[in-house]
Amino acid sequence: MLRSGLFILYVVIGLLVANDHNYFNNLNDLESIISAILAVFLWPLVVLGVNLRIGRITN
């Protein structure tokens, strides 16, 4: 019970962090969807400033 509660809390925090860093904007291709999923589950890296966006680098 405690593990599932901690997992849910971890995912909720991940959703908030990913949303705050605009990972849910323009989810219209597979690369942006994968980036958003990675941001949710690897949110501590996002907080530390790691860019988890997959795809071409655009200027």
PDB file of N, CA and C in Angstrom:
ATOM      1  N   MET A   1       0.825  -1.195   0.000  1.00  0.00           N
ATOM      2  CA  MET A   1       0.000   0.000   0.000  1.00  0.00           C
ATOM      3  C   MET A   1       0.863   1.251   0.000  1.00  0.00           C
ATOM      4  N   LEU A   2       1.902   1.251   0.822  1.00  0.00           N
ATOM      5  CA  LEU A   2       2.780   2.420   0.894  1.00  0.00           C
ATOM      6  C   LEU A   2       3.543   2.610  -0.406  1.00  0.00           C
ATOM      7  N   ARG A   3       3.995   1.504  -1.016  1.00  0.00           N
ATOM      8  CA  ARG A   3       4.736   1.592  -2.279  1.00  0.00           C
ATOM      9  C   ARG A   3       3.885   2.182  -3.389  1.00  0.00           C
ATOM     10  N   SER A   4       2.645   1.745  -3.482  1.00  0.00           N
ATOM     11  CA  SER A   4       1.778   2.270  -4.539  1.00  0.00           C
ATOM     12  C   SER A   4       1.461   3.745  -4.297  1.00  0.00           C
ATOM     13  N   GLY A   5       1.309   4.120  -3.046  1.00  0.00           N
ATOM     14  CA  GLY A   5       1.080   5.527  -2.732  1.00  0.00           C
ATOM     15  C   GLY A   5       2.279   6.384  -3.076  1.00  0.00           C
ATOM     16  N   LEU A   6       3.475   5.885  -2.794  1.00  0.00           N
ATOM     17  CA  LEU A   6       4.688   6.629  -3.141  1.00  0.00           C
ATOM     18  C   LEU A   6       4.863   6.714  -4.651  1.00  0.00           C
ATOM     19  N   PHE A   7       4.521   5.637  -5.368  1.00  0.00           N
ATOM     20  CA  PHE A   7       4.618   5.665  -6.822  1.00  0.00           C
ATOM     21  C   PHE A   7       3.649   6.688  -7.405  1.00  0.00           C
ATOM     22  N   ILE A   8       2.435   6.719  -6.896  1.00  0.00           N
ATOM     23  CA  ILE A   8       1.446   7.689  -7.373  1.00  0.00           C
ATOM     24  C   ILE A   8       1.924   9.111  -7.091  1.00  0.00           C
ATOM     25  N   LEU A   9       2.475   9.346  -5.920  1.00  0.00           N
ATOM     26  CA  LEU A   9       3.012  10.660  -5.581  1.00  0.00           C
ATOM     27  C   LEU A   9       4.155  11.036  -6.517  1.00  0.00           C
ATOM     28  N   TYR A  10       5.039  10.083  -6.808  1.00  0.00           N
ATOM     29  CA  TYR A  10       6.165  10.313  -7.710  1.00  0.00           C
ATOM     30  C   TYR A  10       5.664  10.714  -9.103  1.00  0.00           C
ATOM     31  N   VAL A  11       4.646  10.011  -9.606  1.00  0.00           N
ATOM     32  CA  VAL A  11       4.105  10.310 -10.931  1.00  0.00           C
ATOM     33  C   VAL A  11       3.393  11.661 -10.935  1.00  0.00           C
ATOM     34  N   VAL A  12       2.663  11.975  -9.887  1.00  0.00           N
ATOM     35  CA  VAL A  12       1.977  13.269  -9.813  1.00  0.00           C
ATOM     36  C   VAL A  12       2.998  14.409  -9.817  1.00  0.00           C
ATOM     37  N   ILE A  13       4.061  14.270  -9.057  1.00  0.00           N
ATOM     38  CA  ILE A  13       5.112  15.283  -9.069  1.00  0.00           C
ATOM     39  C   ILE A  13       5.726  15.373 -10.463  1.00  0.00           C
ATOM     40  N   GLY A  14       5.950  14.235 -11.096  1.00  0.00           N
ATOM     41  CA  GLY A  14       6.480  14.223 -12.452  1.00  0.00           C
ATOM     42  C   GLY A  14       5.578  14.937 -13.441  1.00  0.00           C
ATOM     43  N   LEU A  15       4.281  14.734 -13.318  1.00  0.00           N
ATOM     44  CA  LEU A  15       3.332  15.425 -14.182  1.00  0.00           C
ATOM     45  C   LEU A  15       3.397  16.936 -13.983  1.00  0.00           C
ATOM     46  N   LEU A  16       3.484  17.354 -12.735  1.00  0.00           N
ATOM     47  CA  LEU A  16       3.564  18.786 -12.450  1.00  0.00           C
ATOM     48  C   LEU A  16       4.848  19.405 -12.984  1.00  0.00           C
ATOM     49  N   VAL A  17       5.967  18.719 -12.790  1.00  0.00           N
ATOM     50  CA  VAL A  17       7.258  19.229 -13.265  1.00  0.00           C
ATOM     51  C   VAL A  17       7.282  19.268 -14.792  1.00  0.00           C
ATOM     52  N   ALA A  18       6.820  18.192 -15.439  1.00  0.00           N
ATOM     53  CA  ALA A  18       6.809  18.158 -16.901  1.00  0.00           C
ATOM     54  C   ALA A  18       5.901  19.242 -17.470  1.00  0.00           C
ATOM     55  N   ASN A  19       4.774  19.459 -16.850  1.00  0.00           N
ATOM     56  CA  ASN A  19       3.875  20.523 -17.292  1.00  0.00           C
ATOM     57  C   ASN A  19       4.522  21.886 -17.108  1.00  0.00           C
ATOM     58  N   ASP A  20       5.211  22.088 -15.993  1.00  0.00           N
ATOM     59  CA  ASP A  20       5.874  23.359 -15.717  1.00  0.00           C
ATOM     60  C   ASP A  20       6.979  23.653 -16.728  1.00  0.00           C
ATOM     61  N   HIS A  21       7.611  22.614 -17.257  1.00  0.00           N
ATOM     62  CA  HIS A  21       8.693  22.786 -18.236  1.00  0.00           C
ATOM     63  C   HIS A  21       8.200  22.599 -19.677  1.00  0.00           C
ATOM     64  N   ASN A  22       6.890  22.701 -19.878  1.00  0.00           N
ATOM     65  CA  ASN A  22       6.255  22.713 -21.200  1.00  0.00           C
ATOM     66  C   ASN A  22       6.470  21.446 -22.030  1.00  0.00           C
ATOM     67  N   TYR A  23       6.545  20.306 -21.390  1.00  0.00           N
ATOM     68  CA  TYR A  23       6.677  19.054 -22.128  1.00  0.00           C
ATOM     69  C   TYR A  23       5.340  18.584 -22.702  1.00  0.00           C
ATOM     70  N   PHE A  24       4.232  19.156 -22.267  1.00  0.00           N
ATOM     71  CA  PHE A  24       2.928  18.740 -22.767  1.00  0.00           C
ATOM     72  C   PHE A  24       2.399  19.657 -23.864  1.00  0.00           C
ATOM     73  N   ASN A  25       3.182  20.639 -24.269  1.00  0.00           N
ATOM     74  CA  ASN A  25       2.776  21.508 -25.373  1.00  0.00           C
ATOM     75  C   ASN A  25       3.042  20.790 -26.689  1.00  0.00           C
ATOM     76  N   ASN A  26       2.095  20.837 -27.600  1.00  0.00           N
ATOM     77  CA  ASN A  26       2.232  20.281 -28.949  1.00  0.00           C
ATOM     78  C   ASN A  26       2.593  18.797 -28.959  1.00  0.00           C
ATOM     79  N   LEU A  27       1.761  17.993 -28.350  1.00  0.00           N
ATOM     80  CA  LEU A  27       1.964  16.540 -28.375  1.00  0.00           C
ATOM     81  C   LEU A  27       1.360  15.960 -29.653  1.00  0.00           C
ATOM     82  N   ASN A  28       1.957  16.322 -30.788  1.00  0.00           N
ATOM     83  CA  ASN A  28       1.381  15.900 -32.057  1.00  0.00           C
ATOM     84  C   ASN A  28       2.263  14.931 -32.837  1.00  0.00           C
ATOM     85  N   ASP A  29       3.377  14.501 -32.269  1.00  0.00           N
ATOM     86  CA  ASP A  29       4.188  13.474 -32.918  1.00  0.00           C
ATOM     87  C   ASP A  29       4.780  12.548 -31.860  1.00  0.00           C
ATOM     88  N   LEU A  30       5.304  11.431 -32.318  1.00  0.00           N
ATOM     89  CA  LEU A  30       5.810  10.411 -31.406  1.00  0.00           C
ATOM     90  C   LEU A  30       6.982  10.924 -30.561  1.00  0.00           C
ATOM     91  N   GLU A  31       7.840  11.738 -31.142  1.00  0.00           N
ATOM     92  CA  GLU A  31       9.001  12.249 -30.410  1.00  0.00           C
ATOM     93  C   GLU A  31       8.589  13.104 -29.218  1.00  0.00           C
ATOM     94  N   SER A  32       7.604  13.964 -29.400  1.00  0.00           N
ATOM     95  CA  SER A  32       7.169  14.817 -28.294  1.00  0.00           C
ATOM     96  C   SER A  32       6.430  14.008 -27.225  1.00  0.00           C
ATOM     97  N   ILE A  33       5.715  12.967 -27.619  1.00  0.00           N
ATOM     98  CA  ILE A  33       5.028  12.109 -26.648  1.00  0.00           C
ATOM     99  C   ILE A  33       6.044  11.342 -25.809  1.00  0.00           C
ATOM    100  N   ILE A  34       7.069  10.794 -26.460  1.00  0.00           N
ATOM    101  CA  ILE A  34       8.122  10.080 -25.726  1.00  0.00           C
ATOM    102  C   ILE A  34       8.867  11.032 -24.800  1.00  0.00           C
ATOM    103  N   SER A  35       9.132  12.243 -25.259  1.00  0.00           N
ATOM    104  CA  SER A  35       9.802  13.241 -24.423  1.00  0.00           C
ATOM    105  C   SER A  35       8.980  13.551 -23.178  1.00  0.00           C
ATOM    106  N   ALA A  36       7.673  13.683 -23.350  1.00  0.00           N
ATOM    107  CA  ALA A  36       6.800  13.964 -22.217  1.00  0.00           C
ATOM    108  C   ALA A  36       6.780  12.801 -21.225  1.00  0.00           C
ATOM    109  N   ILE A  37       6.731  11.584 -21.730  1.00  0.00           N
ATOM    110  CA  ILE A  37       6.741  10.412 -20.846  1.00  0.00           C
ATOM    111  C   ILE A  37       8.055  10.338 -20.070  1.00  0.00           C
ATOM    112  N   LEU A  38       9.170  10.560 -20.768  1.00  0.00           N
ATOM    113  CA  LEU A  38      10.466  10.561 -20.086  1.00  0.00           C
ATOM    114  C   LEU A  38      10.532  11.649 -19.029  1.00  0.00           C
ATOM    115  N   ALA A  39       9.994  12.821 -19.341  1.00  0.00           N
ATOM    116  CA  ALA A  39      10.018  13.929 -18.383  1.00  0.00           C
ATOM    117  C   ALA A  39       9.213  13.596 -17.134  1.00  0.00           C
ATOM    118  N   VAL A  40       8.106  12.886 -17.301  1.00  0.00           N
ATOM    119  CA  VAL A  40       7.285  12.517 -16.141  1.00  0.00           C
ATOM    120  C   VAL A  40       8.035  11.549 -15.240  1.00  0.00           C
ATOM    121  N   PHE A  41       8.667  10.541 -15.830  1.00  0.00           N
ATOM    122  CA  PHE A  41       9.305   9.512 -15.010  1.00  0.00           C
ATOM    123  C   PHE A  41      10.732   9.853 -14.599  1.00  0.00           C
ATOM    124  N   LEU A  42      11.366  10.765 -15.301  1.00  0.00           N
ATOM    125  CA  LEU A  42      12.731  11.181 -14.948  1.00  0.00           C
ATOM    126  C   LEU A  42      12.740  12.633 -14.492  1.00  0.00           C
ATOM    127  N   TRP A  43      11.680  13.052 -13.808  1.00  0.00           N
ATOM    128  CA  TRP A  43      11.529  14.444 -13.429  1.00  0.00           C
ATOM    129  C   TRP A  43      12.666  14.994 -12.571  1.00  0.00           C
ATOM    130  N   PRO A  44      13.366  14.208 -11.741  1.00  0.00           N
ATOM    131  CA  PRO A  44      14.489  14.811 -11.020  1.00  0.00           C
ATOM    132  C   PRO A  44      15.562  15.370 -11.967  1.00  0.00           C
ATOM    133  N   LEU A  45      15.756  14.717 -13.107  1.00  0.00           N
ATOM    134  CA  LEU A  45      16.711  15.228 -14.085  1.00  0.00           C
ATOM    135  C   LEU A  45      16.226  16.532 -14.703  1.00  0.00           C
ATOM    136  N   VAL A  46      14.929  16.625 -14.940  1.00  0.00           N
ATOM    137  CA  VAL A  46      14.359  17.851 -15.493  1.00  0.00           C
ATOM    138  C   VAL A  46      14.557  18.999 -14.517  1.00  0.00           C
ATOM    139  N   VAL A  47      14.355  18.731 -13.240  1.00  0.00           N
ATOM    140  CA  VAL A  47      14.545  19.766 -12.212  1.00  0.00           C
ATOM    141  C   VAL A  47      16.003  20.234 -12.190  1.00  0.00           C
ATOM    142  N   LEU A  48      16.923  19.306 -12.467  1.00  0.00           N
ATOM    143  CA  LEU A  48      18.347  19.651 -12.484  1.00  0.00           C
ATOM    144  C   LEU A  48      18.774  20.326 -13.784  1.00  0.00           C
ATOM    145  N   GLY A  49      17.864  20.451 -14.731  1.00  0.00           N
ATOM    146  CA  GLY A  49      18.162  21.176 -15.958  1.00  0.00           C
ATOM    147  C   GLY A  49      18.494  20.326 -17.169  1.00  0.00           C
ATOM    148  N   VAL A  50      18.313  19.010 -17.078  1.00  0.00           N
ATOM    149  CA  VAL A  50      18.587  18.133 -18.210  1.00  0.00           C
ATOM    150  C   VAL A  50      17.428  18.241 -19.206  1.00  0.00           C
ATOM    151  N   ASN A  51      17.753  18.445 -20.484  1.00  0.00           N
ATOM    152  CA  ASN A  51      16.748  18.528 -21.526  1.00  0.00           C
ATOM    153  C   ASN A  51      16.460  17.121 -22.040  1.00  0.00           C
ATOM    154  N   LEU A  52      15.249  16.644 -21.857  1.00  0.00           N
ATOM    155  CA  LEU A  52      14.881  15.297 -22.261  1.00  0.00           C
ATOM    156  C   LEU A  52      14.106  15.267 -23.573  1.00  0.00           C
ATOM    157  N   ARG A  53      14.102  16.367 -24.294  1.00  0.00           N
ATOM    158  CA  ARG A  53      13.366  16.405 -25.558  1.00  0.00           C
ATOM    159  C   ARG A  53      14.107  15.590 -26.608  1.00  0.00           C
ATOM    160  N   ILE A  54      13.360  14.748 -27.288  1.00  0.00           N
ATOM    161  CA  ILE A  54      13.908  13.875 -28.311  1.00  0.00           C
ATOM    162  C   ILE A  54      13.561  14.475 -29.673  1.00  0.00           C
ATOM    163  N   GLY A  55      14.478  14.374 -30.600  1.00  0.00           N
ATOM    164  CA  GLY A  55      14.218  14.861 -31.956  1.00  0.00           C
ATOM    165  C   GLY A  55      15.281  15.832 -32.402  1.00  0.00           C
ATOM    166  N   ARG A  56      14.961  16.507 -33.454  1.00  0.00           N
ATOM    167  CA  ARG A  56      15.890  17.477 -34.017  1.00  0.00           C
ATOM    168  C   ARG A  56      16.020  18.689 -33.124  1.00  0.00           C
ATOM    169  N   ILE A  57      17.208  19.239 -33.126  1.00  0.00           N
ATOM    170  CA  ILE A  57      17.439  20.483 -32.396  1.00  0.00           C
ATOM    171  C   ILE A  57      17.103  21.630 -33.340  1.00  0.00           C
ATOM    172  N   THR A  58      16.188  22.474 -32.908  1.00  0.00           N
ATOM    173  CA  THR A  58      15.807  23.623 -33.734  1.00  0.00           C
ATOM    174  C   THR A  58      16.252  24.896 -33.054  1.00  0.00           C
ATOM    175  N   ASN A  59      16.634  25.840 -33.856  1.00  0.00           N
ATOM    176  CA  ASN A  59      17.078  27.138 -33.313  1.00  0.00           C
ATOM    177  C   ASN A  59      15.942  28.096 -33.218  1.00  0.00           C
TER     178      ASN A  59
END
